């Protein structure tokens, strides 16, 4: 009974409701007075009970029919699902057979391709071996021909070399004497040019120092006799590269050193030579030691 209620709770509820209605009708529909005319209502009550029971039976029958239809629909649905699964399995089996066939064909093609490649590689090796043998034969023949030609050439070259040795010895002696003379003359010229360049550099350096000193102002409260070494980078024309003035060796007085840096910038453009001699002034080092200020 409990299993039936669990499977069909709605039908069970309707049946219970009908029974409650019948009981309520029996309780409140009977006249309980002591009147002798109670026979007629009692017969009517019995007739009402019979009619209500028929209705309940009809409702129960409808419920059973509905349940039967529901179970039949479930069974039909189950049969359709089982048929669908059987169809799916058949399709999967057919697809598996098709894939197996394709795999077998692929492996057969791959095996045939491997055999073709192996045969092509074998033919290539044979052709390579034949070509190597032919090349070796030709190389040996060519080597013999070259060896004979080389022996002949060496004999001729030896004869010419002996004559050339004598000629070169005489030529070398003459060239050595000429080169020695040219070297002596070149050294003398270079020495003269170096001395002249040194004099020119010293002259330009002295002029630069004078121009810097003209633009220098002694800071207040600095003693005489101070000096510093300053380095400056110049470009052709004598302009000072910005930020290139550096005190290499200070005087011990920061104000004096800063005044020298400012004087170098104010003196620009500095007098510098042109041409190759300017290279000596690209990075110029000055020993600044004021004389009369």
C-alpha atoms as a PDB file:
ATOM      1  CA  UNK A   1       0.000   0.000   0.000  1.00  0.00           C
ATOM      2  CA  UNK A   2       2.775   2.434   0.895  1.00  0.00           C
ATOM      3  CA  UNK A   3       4.545   1.713  -2.388  1.00  0.00           C
ATOM      4  CA  UNK A   4       1.352   2.492  -4.309  1.00  0.00           C
ATOM      5  CA  UNK A   5       0.984   5.800  -2.428  1.00  0.00           C
ATOM      6  CA  UNK A   6       4.625   6.698  -3.134  1.00  0.00           C
ATOM      7  CA  UNK A   7       4.251   5.973  -6.840  1.00  0.00           C
ATOM      8  CA  UNK A   8       0.879   7.799  -7.183  1.00  0.00           C
ATOM      9  CA  UNK A   9       0.593  10.438  -4.433  1.00  0.00           C
ATOM     10  CA  UNK A  10      -1.989  12.496  -6.328  1.00  0.00           C
ATOM     11  CA  UNK A  11      -4.326   9.527  -6.863  1.00  0.00           C
ATOM     12  CA  UNK A  12      -3.994   8.500  -3.210  1.00  0.00           C
ATOM     13  CA  UNK A  13      -4.810  12.035  -2.086  1.00  0.00           C
ATOM     14  CA  UNK A  14      -7.934  12.184  -4.278  1.00  0.00           C
ATOM     15  CA  UNK A  15      -9.138   8.789  -2.968  1.00  0.00           C
ATOM     16  CA  UNK A  16      -8.654   9.921   0.631  1.00  0.00           C
ATOM     17  CA  UNK A  17     -10.515  13.152  -0.091  1.00  0.00           C
ATOM     18  CA  UNK A  18     -13.491  11.245  -1.559  1.00  0.00           C
ATOM     19  CA  UNK A  19     -13.670   8.943   1.480  1.00  0.00           C
ATOM     20  CA  UNK A  20     -13.650  11.922   3.819  1.00  0.00           C
ATOM     21  CA  UNK A  21     -16.475  13.512   1.838  1.00  0.00           C
ATOM     22  CA  UNK A  22     -18.538  10.277   2.089  1.00  0.00           C
ATOM     23  CA  UNK A  23     -17.966  10.056   5.851  1.00  0.00           C
ATOM     24  CA  UNK A  24     -18.932  13.726   6.273  1.00  0.00           C
ATOM     25  CA  UNK A  25     -22.080  13.192   4.307  1.00  0.00           C
ATOM     26  CA  UNK A  26     -23.003  10.126   6.364  1.00  0.00           C
ATOM     27  CA  UNK A  27     -22.428  11.968   9.606  1.00  0.00           C
ATOM     28  CA  UNK A  28     -24.209  15.198   8.825  1.00  0.00           C
ATOM     29  CA  UNK A  29     -26.784  13.934   6.313  1.00  0.00           C
ATOM     30  CA  UNK A  30     -28.734  11.582   8.756  1.00  0.00           C
ATOM     31  CA  UNK A  31     -31.523  12.948  10.888  1.00  0.00           C
ATOM     32  CA  UNK A  32     -30.902  11.666  14.448  1.00  0.00           C
ATOM     33  CA  UNK A  33     -34.252  12.816  15.909  1.00  0.00           C
ATOM     34  CA  UNK A  34     -36.677  10.274  17.400  1.00  0.00           C
ATOM     35  CA  UNK A  35     -39.412  11.067  14.934  1.00  0.00           C
ATOM     36  CA  UNK A  36     -41.203   7.952  13.683  1.00  0.00           C
ATOM     37  CA  UNK A  37     -40.857   9.286  10.157  1.00  0.00           C
ATOM     38  CA  UNK A  38     -37.132   8.446  10.157  1.00  0.00           C
ATOM     39  CA  UNK A  39     -37.668   5.440   7.868  1.00  0.00           C
ATOM     40  CA  UNK A  40     -37.929   7.486   4.744  1.00  0.00           C
ATOM     41  CA  UNK A  41     -34.711   9.573   5.279  1.00  0.00           C
ATOM     42  CA  UNK A  42     -32.866   6.386   6.169  1.00  0.00           C
ATOM     43  CA  UNK A  43     -33.717   4.862   2.802  1.00  0.00           C
ATOM     44  CA  UNK A  44     -32.625   8.025   1.127  1.00  0.00           C
ATOM     45  CA  UNK A  45     -29.296   7.961   2.972  1.00  0.00           C
ATOM     46  CA  UNK A  46     -28.621   4.446   1.798  1.00  0.00           C
ATOM     47  CA  UNK A  47     -29.331   5.504  -1.754  1.00  0.00           C
ATOM     48  CA  UNK A  48     -26.953   8.452  -1.412  1.00  0.00           C
ATOM     49  CA  UNK A  49     -24.192   6.226  -0.094  1.00  0.00           C
ATOM     50  CA  UNK A  50     -24.592   3.876  -3.027  1.00  0.00           C
ATOM     51  CA  UNK A  51     -24.417   6.738  -5.511  1.00  0.00           C
ATOM     52  CA  UNK A  52     -21.277   8.267  -3.874  1.00  0.00           C
ATOM     53  CA  UNK A  53     -19.504   4.920  -3.768  1.00  0.00           C
ATOM     54  CA  UNK A  54     -20.117   4.530  -7.479  1.00  0.00           C
ATOM     55  CA  UNK A  55     -18.621   7.913  -8.063  1.00  0.00           C
ATOM     56  CA  UNK A  56     -15.601   7.019  -6.002  1.00  0.00           C
ATOM     57  CA  UNK A  57     -15.213   3.765  -7.914  1.00  0.00           C
ATOM     58  CA  UNK A  58     -15.456   5.668 -11.205  1.00  0.00           C
ATOM     59  CA  UNK A  59     -12.809   8.136 -10.056  1.00  0.00           C
ATOM     60  CA  UNK A  60     -10.584   5.310  -8.905  1.00  0.00           C
ATOM     61  CA  UNK A  61     -11.036   3.620 -12.266  1.00  0.00           C
ATOM     62  CA  UNK A  62     -10.071   6.825 -14.036  1.00  0.00           C
ATOM     63  CA  UNK A  63      -7.017   7.113 -11.820  1.00  0.00           C
ATOM     64  CA  UNK A  64      -6.019   3.508 -12.525  1.00  0.00           C
ATOM     65  CA  UNK A  65      -6.498   4.087 -16.247  1.00  0.00           C
ATOM     66  CA  UNK A  66      -4.394   7.246 -16.090  1.00  0.00           C
ATOM     67  CA  UNK A  67      -1.708   5.389 -14.188  1.00  0.00           C
ATOM     68  CA  UNK A  68      -1.843   2.545 -16.723  1.00  0.00           C
ATOM     69  CA  UNK A  69      -1.475   5.039 -19.574  1.00  0.00           C
ATOM     70  CA  UNK A  70       1.424   6.661 -17.739  1.00  0.00           C
ATOM     71  CA  UNK A  71       3.141   3.307 -17.224  1.00  0.00           C
ATOM     72  CA  UNK A  72       2.467   2.403 -20.881  1.00  0.00           C
ATOM     73  CA  UNK A  73       3.997   5.710 -22.001  1.00  0.00           C
ATOM     74  CA  UNK A  74       7.018   5.045 -19.801  1.00  0.00           C
ATOM     75  CA  UNK A  75       7.373   1.557 -21.250  1.00  0.00           C
ATOM     76  CA  UNK A  76       7.073   2.955 -24.800  1.00  0.00           C
ATOM     77  CA  UNK A  77       9.667   5.602 -23.972  1.00  0.00           C
ATOM     78  CA  UNK A  78      11.946   2.927 -22.537  1.00  0.00           C
ATOM     79  CA  UNK A  79      11.522   0.803 -25.679  1.00  0.00           C
ATOM     80  CA  UNK A  80      12.312   3.809 -27.874  1.00  0.00           C
ATOM     81  CA  UNK A  81      15.423   4.576 -25.776  1.00  0.00           C
ATOM     82  CA  UNK A  82      16.569   0.959 -26.022  1.00  0.00           C
ATOM     83  CA  UNK A  83      16.039   1.052 -29.789  1.00  0.00           C
ATOM     84  CA  UNK A  84      18.016   4.299 -29.992  1.00  0.00           C
ATOM     85  CA  UNK A  85      20.877   2.731 -28.020  1.00  0.00           C
ATOM     86  CA  UNK A  86      20.836  -0.323 -30.311  1.00  0.00           C
ATOM     87  CA  UNK A  87      20.939   1.967 -33.364  1.00  0.00           C
ATOM     88  CA  UNK A  88      23.784   3.962 -31.818  1.00  0.00           C
ATOM     89  CA  UNK A  89      25.765   0.776 -31.116  1.00  0.00           C
ATOM     90  CA  UNK A  90      25.224  -0.384 -34.693  1.00  0.00           C
ATOM     91  CA  UNK A  91      26.453   2.974 -36.026  1.00  0.00           C
ATOM     92  CA  UNK A  92      29.448   2.898 -33.672  1.00  0.00           C
ATOM     93  CA  UNK A  93      30.319  -0.625 -34.823  1.00  0.00           C
ATOM     94  CA  UNK A  94      29.990   0.424 -38.481  1.00  0.00           C
ATOM     95  CA  UNK A  95      32.172   3.491 -37.843  1.00  0.00           C
ATOM     96  CA  UNK A  96      34.726   1.335 -36.049  1.00  0.00           C
ATOM     97  CA  UNK A  97      34.848  -1.061 -39.017  1.00  0.00           C
ATOM     98  CA  UNK A  98      35.191   1.889 -41.400  1.00  0.00           C
ATOM     99  CA  UNK A  99      38.034   3.410 -39.367  1.00  0.00           C
ATOM    100  CA  UNK A 100      39.762   0.028 -39.139  1.00  0.00           C
ATOM    101  CA  UNK A 101      39.532  -0.292 -42.903  1.00  0.00           C
ATOM    102  CA  UNK A 102      40.946   3.195 -43.397  1.00  0.00           C
ATOM    103  CA  UNK A 103      43.770   2.455 -40.938  1.00  0.00           C
ATOM    104  CA  UNK A 104      44.573  -0.764 -42.775  1.00  0.00           C
ATOM    105  CA  UNK A 105      44.656   1.098 -46.094  1.00  0.00           C
ATOM    106  CA  UNK A 106      46.822   3.821 -44.562  1.00  0.00           C
ATOM    107  CA  UNK A 107      49.307   1.298 -43.208  1.00  0.00           C
ATOM    108  CA  UNK A 108      49.417  -0.451 -46.571  1.00  0.00           C
ATOM    109  CA  UNK A 109      50.110   2.828 -48.342  1.00  0.00           C
ATOM    110  CA  UNK A 110      52.724   3.760 -45.753  1.00  0.00           C
ATOM    111  CA  UNK A 111      54.446   0.393 -46.186  1.00  0.00           C
ATOM    112  CA  UNK A 112      54.453   0.825 -49.962  1.00  0.00           C
ATOM    113  CA  UNK A 113      55.861   4.343 -49.578  1.00  0.00           C
ATOM    114  CA  UNK A 114      58.621   3.072 -47.272  1.00  0.00           C
ATOM    115  CA  UNK A 115      59.524   0.414 -49.807  1.00  0.00           C
ATOM    116  CA  UNK A 116      59.660   3.023 -52.579  1.00  0.00           C
ATOM    117  CA  UNK A 117      61.847   5.292 -50.467  1.00  0.00           C
ATOM    118  CA  UNK A 118      64.157   2.405 -49.579  1.00  0.00           C
ATOM    119  CA  UNK A 119      64.511   1.505 -53.265  1.00  0.00           C
ATOM    120  CA  UNK A 120      65.154   5.124 -54.201  1.00  0.00           C
ATOM    121  CA  UNK A 121      67.793   5.401 -51.470  1.00  0.00           C
ATOM    122  CA  UNK A 122      69.439   2.170 -52.660  1.00  0.00           C
ATOM    123  CA  UNK A 123      69.519   3.448 -56.241  1.00  0.00           C
ATOM    124  CA  UNK A 124      70.897   6.768 -55.036  1.00  0.00           C
ATOM    125  CA  UNK A 125      73.675   4.995 -53.098  1.00  0.00           C
ATOM    126  CA  UNK A 126      74.590   2.904 -56.141  1.00  0.00           C
ATOM    127  CA  UNK A 127      74.658   5.981 -58.337  1.00  0.00           C
ATOM    128  CA  UNK A 128      76.734   7.831 -55.775  1.00  0.00           C
ATOM    129  CA  UNK A 129      79.196   4.923 -55.558  1.00  0.00           C
ATOM    130  CA  UNK A 130      79.516   4.780 -59.365  1.00  0.00           C
ATOM    131  CA  UNK A 131      80.018   8.537 -59.517  1.00  0.00           C
ATOM    132  CA  UNK A 132      82.647   8.367 -56.756  1.00  0.00           C
ATOM    133  CA  UNK A 133      84.522   5.577 -58.589  1.00  0.00           C
ATOM    134  CA  UNK A 134      84.476   7.543 -61.838  1.00  0.00           C
ATOM    135  CA  UNK A 135      85.589  10.703 -60.080  1.00  0.00           C
ATOM    136  CA  UNK A 136      88.428   8.799 -58.395  1.00  0.00           C
ATOM    137  CA  UNK A 137      89.606   7.381 -61.725  1.00  0.00           C
ATOM    138  CA  UNK A 138      89.549  10.814 -63.340  1.00  0.00           C
ATOM    139  CA  UNK A 139      91.278  12.343 -60.329  1.00  0.00           C
ATOM    140  CA  UNK A 140      94.080   9.785 -60.508  1.00  0.00           C
ATOM    141  CA  UNK A 141      94.567  10.397 -64.230  1.00  0.00           C
ATOM    142  CA  UNK A 142      94.518  14.128 -63.693  1.00  0.00           C
ATOM    143  CA  UNK A 143      96.966  13.803 -60.819  1.00  0.00           C
ATOM    144  CA  UNK A 144      99.415  11.919 -63.025  1.00  0.00           C
ATOM    145  CA  UNK A 145      99.127  14.520 -65.769  1.00  0.00           C
ATOM    146  CA  UNK A 146      99.588  17.348 -63.309  1.00  0.00           C
ATOM    147  CA  UNK A 147     102.553  15.614 -61.674  1.00  0.00           C
ATOM    148  CA  UNK A 148     104.313  15.347 -65.032  1.00  0.00           C
ATOM    149  CA  UNK A 149     103.512  18.953 -65.907  1.00  0.00           C
ATOM    150  CA  UNK A 150     104.591  20.064 -62.429  1.00  0.00           C
ATOM    151  CA  UNK A 151     107.935  18.264 -62.733  1.00  0.00           C
ATOM    152  CA  UNK A 152     108.546  19.978 -66.056  1.00  0.00           C
ATOM    153  CA  UNK A 153     107.479  23.324 -64.656  1.00  0.00           C
ATOM    154  CA  UNK A 154     109.713  22.951 -61.604  1.00  0.00           C
ATOM    155  CA  UNK A 155     112.733  22.191 -63.759  1.00  0.00           C
ATOM    156  CA  UNK A 156     112.065  25.291 -65.830  1.00  0.00           C
ATOM    157  CA  UNK A 157     111.335  27.300 -62.716  1.00  0.00           C
ATOM    158  CA  UNK A 158     114.585  26.168 -61.091  1.00  0.00           C
ATOM    159  CA  UNK A 159     116.551  27.370 -64.067  1.00  0.00           C
ATOM    160  CA  UNK A 160     114.741  30.691 -64.066  1.00  0.00           C
ATOM    161  CA  UNK A 161     115.032  30.969 -60.292  1.00  0.00           C
ATOM    162  CA  UNK A 162     118.797  30.665 -60.392  1.00  0.00           C
ATOM    163  CA  UNK A 163     118.974  33.457 -62.927  1.00  0.00           C
ATOM    164  CA  UNK A 164     116.438  35.470 -60.928  1.00  0.00           C
ATOM    165  CA  UNK A 165     118.445  35.005 -57.729  1.00  0.00           C
ATOM    166  CA  UNK A 166     121.456  36.615 -59.301  1.00  0.00           C
ATOM    167  CA  UNK A 167     119.381  39.462 -60.693  1.00  0.00           C
ATOM    168  CA  UNK A 168     117.537  40.012 -57.418  1.00  0.00           C
ATOM    169  CA  UNK A 169     120.760  40.016 -55.439  1.00  0.00           C
ATOM    170  CA  UNK A 170     122.093  42.844 -57.527  1.00  0.00           C
ATOM    171  CA  UNK A 171     118.705  44.629 -57.429  1.00  0.00           C
ATOM    172  CA  UNK A 172     118.407  44.135 -53.671  1.00  0.00           C
ATOM    173  CA  UNK A 173     121.817  45.610 -53.075  1.00  0.00           C
ATOM    174  CA  UNK A 174     120.921  48.652 -55.149  1.00  0.00           C
ATOM    175  CA  UNK A 175     117.524  49.023 -53.459  1.00  0.00           C
ATOM    176  CA  UNK A 176     119.042  48.620 -50.005  1.00  0.00           C
ATOM    177  CA  UNK A 177     121.475  51.383 -50.637  1.00  0.00           C
ATOM    178  CA  UNK A 178     118.702  53.593 -52.040  1.00  0.00           C
ATOM    179  CA  UNK A 179     116.357  52.751 -49.153  1.00  0.00           C
ATOM    180  CA  UNK A 180     119.031  53.510 -46.580  1.00  0.00           C
ATOM    181  CA  UNK A 181     119.643  56.879 -48.190  1.00  0.00           C
ATOM    182  CA  UNK A 182     115.893  57.590 -48.372  1.00  0.00           C
ATOM    183  CA  UNK A 183     115.447  56.569 -44.731  1.00  0.00           C
ATOM    184  CA  UNK A 184     118.201  58.888 -43.624  1.00  0.00           C
ATOM    185  CA  UNK A 185     116.647  61.749 -45.573  1.00  0.00           C
ATOM    186  CA  UNK A 186     113.137  60.938 -44.299  1.00  0.00           C
ATOM    187  CA  UNK A 187     114.303  60.754 -40.699  1.00  0.00           C
ATOM    188  CA  UNK A 188     116.003  64.086 -41.053  1.00  0.00           C
ATOM    189  CA  UNK A 189     112.867  65.618 -42.575  1.00  0.00           C
ATOM    190  CA  UNK A 190     110.654  64.136 -39.888  1.00  0.00           C
ATOM    191  CA  UNK A 191     112.952  65.431 -37.185  1.00  0.00           C
ATOM    192  CA  UNK A 192     112.905  68.913 -38.681  1.00  0.00           C
ATOM    193  CA  UNK A 193     109.116  68.794 -39.089  1.00  0.00           C
ATOM    194  CA  UNK A 194     108.678  67.548 -35.505  1.00  0.00           C
ATOM    195  CA  UNK A 195     110.850  70.311 -34.160  1.00  0.00           C
ATOM    196  CA  UNK A 196     108.954  72.858 -36.207  1.00  0.00           C
ATOM    197  CA  UNK A 197     105.588  71.445 -35.099  1.00  0.00           C
ATOM    198  CA  UNK A 198     106.737  71.466 -31.496  1.00  0.00           C
ATOM    199  CA  UNK A 199     107.709  75.104 -31.793  1.00  0.00           C
ATOM    200  CA  UNK A 200     104.345  75.865 -33.395  1.00  0.00           C
ATOM    201  CA  UNK A 201     102.473  73.982 -30.681  1.00  0.00           C
ATOM    202  CA  UNK A 202     104.418  75.773 -27.951  1.00  0.00           C
ATOM    203  CA  UNK A 203     103.694  79.096 -29.623  1.00  0.00           C
ATOM    204  CA  UNK A 204      99.965  78.424 -29.863  1.00  0.00           C
ATOM    205  CA  UNK A 205      99.862  77.120 -26.290  1.00  0.00           C
ATOM    206  CA  UNK A 206     101.526  80.283 -25.054  1.00  0.00           C
ATOM    207  CA  UNK A 207      99.029  82.432 -26.955  1.00  0.00           C
ATOM    208  CA  UNK A 208      96.124  80.357 -25.564  1.00  0.00           C
ATOM    209  CA  UNK A 209      97.433  80.779 -22.004  1.00  0.00           C
ATOM    210  CA  UNK A 210      97.672  84.539 -22.529  1.00  0.00           C
ATOM    211  CA  UNK A 211      94.086  84.687 -23.869  1.00  0.00           C
ATOM    212  CA  UNK A 212      92.776  82.644 -20.954  1.00  0.00           C
ATOM    213  CA  UNK A 213      94.671  84.802 -18.496  1.00  0.00           C
ATOM    214  CA  UNK A 214      93.203  87.961 -20.078  1.00  0.00           C
ATOM    215  CA  UNK A 215      89.720  86.574 -19.405  1.00  0.00           C
ATOM    216  CA  UNK A 216      90.547  85.449 -15.870  1.00  0.00           C
ATOM    217  CA  UNK A 217      89.552  87.370 -12.757  1.00  0.00           C
ATOM    218  CA  UNK A 218      91.167  86.590  -9.422  1.00  0.00           C
ATOM    219  CA  UNK A 219      88.542  85.614  -6.850  1.00  0.00           C
ATOM    220  CA  UNK A 220      88.497  87.747  -3.702  1.00  0.00           C
ATOM    221  CA  UNK A 221      90.652  86.634  -0.782  1.00  0.00           C
ATOM    222  CA  UNK A 222      92.859  84.290  -2.828  1.00  0.00           C
ATOM    223  CA  UNK A 223      96.572  84.424  -2.387  1.00  0.00           C
ATOM    224  CA  UNK A 224      99.064  84.742  -5.188  1.00  0.00           C
ATOM    225  CA  UNK A 225     101.132  81.886  -6.496  1.00  0.00           C
ATOM    226  CA  UNK A 226      98.232  79.482  -6.996  1.00  0.00           C
ATOM    227  CA  UNK A 227      98.169  77.255 -10.082  1.00  0.00           C
ATOM    228  CA  UNK A 228      96.201  74.342 -11.487  1.00  0.00           C
ATOM    229  CA  UNK A 229      96.286  71.973 -14.423  1.00  0.00           C
ATOM    230  CA  UNK A 230      93.182  72.124 -16.593  1.00  0.00           C
ATOM    231  CA  UNK A 231      92.181  69.946 -19.547  1.00  0.00           C
ATOM    232  CA  UNK A 232      89.863  71.147 -22.297  1.00  0.00           C
ATOM    233  CA  UNK A 233      88.532  69.625 -25.506  1.00  0.00           C
ATOM    234  CA  UNK A 234      88.422  71.844 -28.608  1.00  0.00           C
ATOM    235  CA  UNK A 235      86.887  71.620 -32.052  1.00  0.00           C
ATOM    236  CA  UNK A 236      88.344  73.084 -35.279  1.00  0.00           C
ATOM    237  CA  UNK A 237      88.132  76.850 -35.048  1.00  0.00           C
ATOM    238  CA  UNK A 238      88.994  76.915 -31.341  1.00  0.00           C
ATOM    239  CA  UNK A 239      85.529  76.589 -29.769  1.00  0.00           C
ATOM    240  CA  UNK A 240      85.400  74.756 -26.420  1.00  0.00           C
ATOM    241  CA  UNK A 241      83.258  71.628 -26.254  1.00  0.00           C
ATOM    242  CA  UNK A 242      80.528  72.364 -23.644  1.00  0.00           C
ATOM    243  CA  UNK A 243      81.172  70.638 -20.348  1.00  0.00           C
ATOM    244  CA  UNK A 244      84.674  69.521 -21.383  1.00  0.00           C
ATOM    245  CA  UNK A 245      86.739  71.754 -19.062  1.00  0.00           C
ATOM    246  CA  UNK A 246      88.092  69.586 -16.248  1.00  0.00           C
ATOM    247  CA  UNK A 247      90.526  70.414 -13.458  1.00  0.00           C
ATOM    248  CA  UNK A 248      93.085  67.607 -13.489  1.00  0.00           C
ATOM    249  CA  UNK A 249      95.163  68.962 -10.596  1.00  0.00           C
ATOM    250  CA  UNK A 250      93.558  71.561  -8.387  1.00  0.00           C
ATOM    251  CA  UNK A 251      95.191  74.439  -6.596  1.00  0.00           C
ATOM    252  CA  UNK A 252      93.648  73.563  -3.257  1.00  0.00           C
ATOM    253  CA  UNK A 253      91.363  76.575  -3.568  1.00  0.00           C
ATOM    254  CA  UNK A 254      87.959  75.682  -5.124  1.00  0.00           C
ATOM    255  CA  UNK A 255      87.170  79.326  -5.919  1.00  0.00           C
ATOM    256  CA  UNK A 256      90.438  79.686  -7.818  1.00  0.00           C
ATOM    257  CA  UNK A 257      89.794  76.469  -9.765  1.00  0.00           C
ATOM    258  CA  UNK A 258      86.264  77.568 -10.718  1.00  0.00           C
ATOM    259  CA  UNK A 259      87.586  80.950 -11.859  1.00  0.00           C
ATOM    260  CA  UNK A 260      90.033  79.187 -14.194  1.00  0.00           C
ATOM    261  CA  UNK A 261      87.233  77.045 -15.683  1.00  0.00           C
ATOM    262  CA  UNK A 262      85.130  80.170 -16.292  1.00  0.00           C
ATOM    263  CA  UNK A 263      88.101  81.939 -17.887  1.00  0.00           C
ATOM    264  CA  UNK A 264      88.601  79.079 -20.358  1.00  0.00           C
ATOM    265  CA  UNK A 265      84.959  79.243 -21.456  1.00  0.00           C
ATOM    266  CA  UNK A 266      85.063  83.066 -21.707  1.00  0.00           C
ATOM    267  CA  UNK A 267      88.263  83.000 -23.766  1.00  0.00           C
ATOM    268  CA  UNK A 268      86.680  80.803 -26.478  1.00  0.00           C
ATOM    269  CA  UNK A 269      87.206  80.613 -29.373  1.00  0.00           C
ATOM    270  CA  UNK A 270      90.847  79.921 -28.580  1.00  0.00           C
ATOM    271  CA  UNK A 271      93.591  80.489 -31.183  1.00  0.00           C
ATOM    272  CA  UNK A 272      94.412  77.089 -32.696  1.00  0.00           C
ATOM    273  CA  UNK A 273      96.211  76.050 -35.904  1.00  0.00           C
ATOM    274  CA  UNK A 274      94.409  74.490 -38.841  1.00  0.00           C
ATOM    275  CA  UNK A 275      95.182  71.322 -40.757  1.00  0.00           C
ATOM    276  CA  UNK A 276      96.947  68.330 -39.284  1.00  0.00           C
ATOM    277  CA  UNK A 277      98.577  70.351 -36.499  1.00  0.00           C
ATOM    278  CA  UNK A 278      95.151  70.925 -34.919  1.00  0.00           C
ATOM    279  CA  UNK A 279      95.044  67.255 -33.798  1.00  0.00           C
ATOM    280  CA  UNK A 280      97.477  68.227 -31.027  1.00  0.00           C
ATOM    281  CA  UNK A 281      94.834  70.647 -29.682  1.00  0.00           C
ATOM    282  CA  UNK A 282      91.727  68.438 -29.661  1.00  0.00           C
ATOM    283  CA  UNK A 283      92.483  67.524 -26.055  1.00  0.00           C
ATOM    284  CA  UNK A 284      94.622  70.315 -24.629  1.00  0.00           C
ATOM    285  CA  UNK A 285      96.235  70.334 -21.181  1.00  0.00           C
ATOM    286  CA  UNK A 286      97.189  73.738 -19.732  1.00  0.00           C
ATOM    287  CA  UNK A 287      99.216  74.555 -16.650  1.00  0.00           C
ATOM    288  CA  UNK A 288      97.514  77.754 -15.594  1.00  0.00           C
ATOM    289  CA  UNK A 289      99.653  79.977 -13.396  1.00  0.00           C
ATOM    290  CA  UNK A 290      98.739  83.667 -13.558  1.00  0.00           C
ATOM    291  CA  UNK A 291     101.636  86.085 -13.644  1.00  0.00           C
ATOM    292  CA  UNK A 292     100.526  89.636 -12.984  1.00  0.00           C
ATOM    293  CA  UNK A 293      97.106  89.532 -11.328  1.00  0.00           C
END
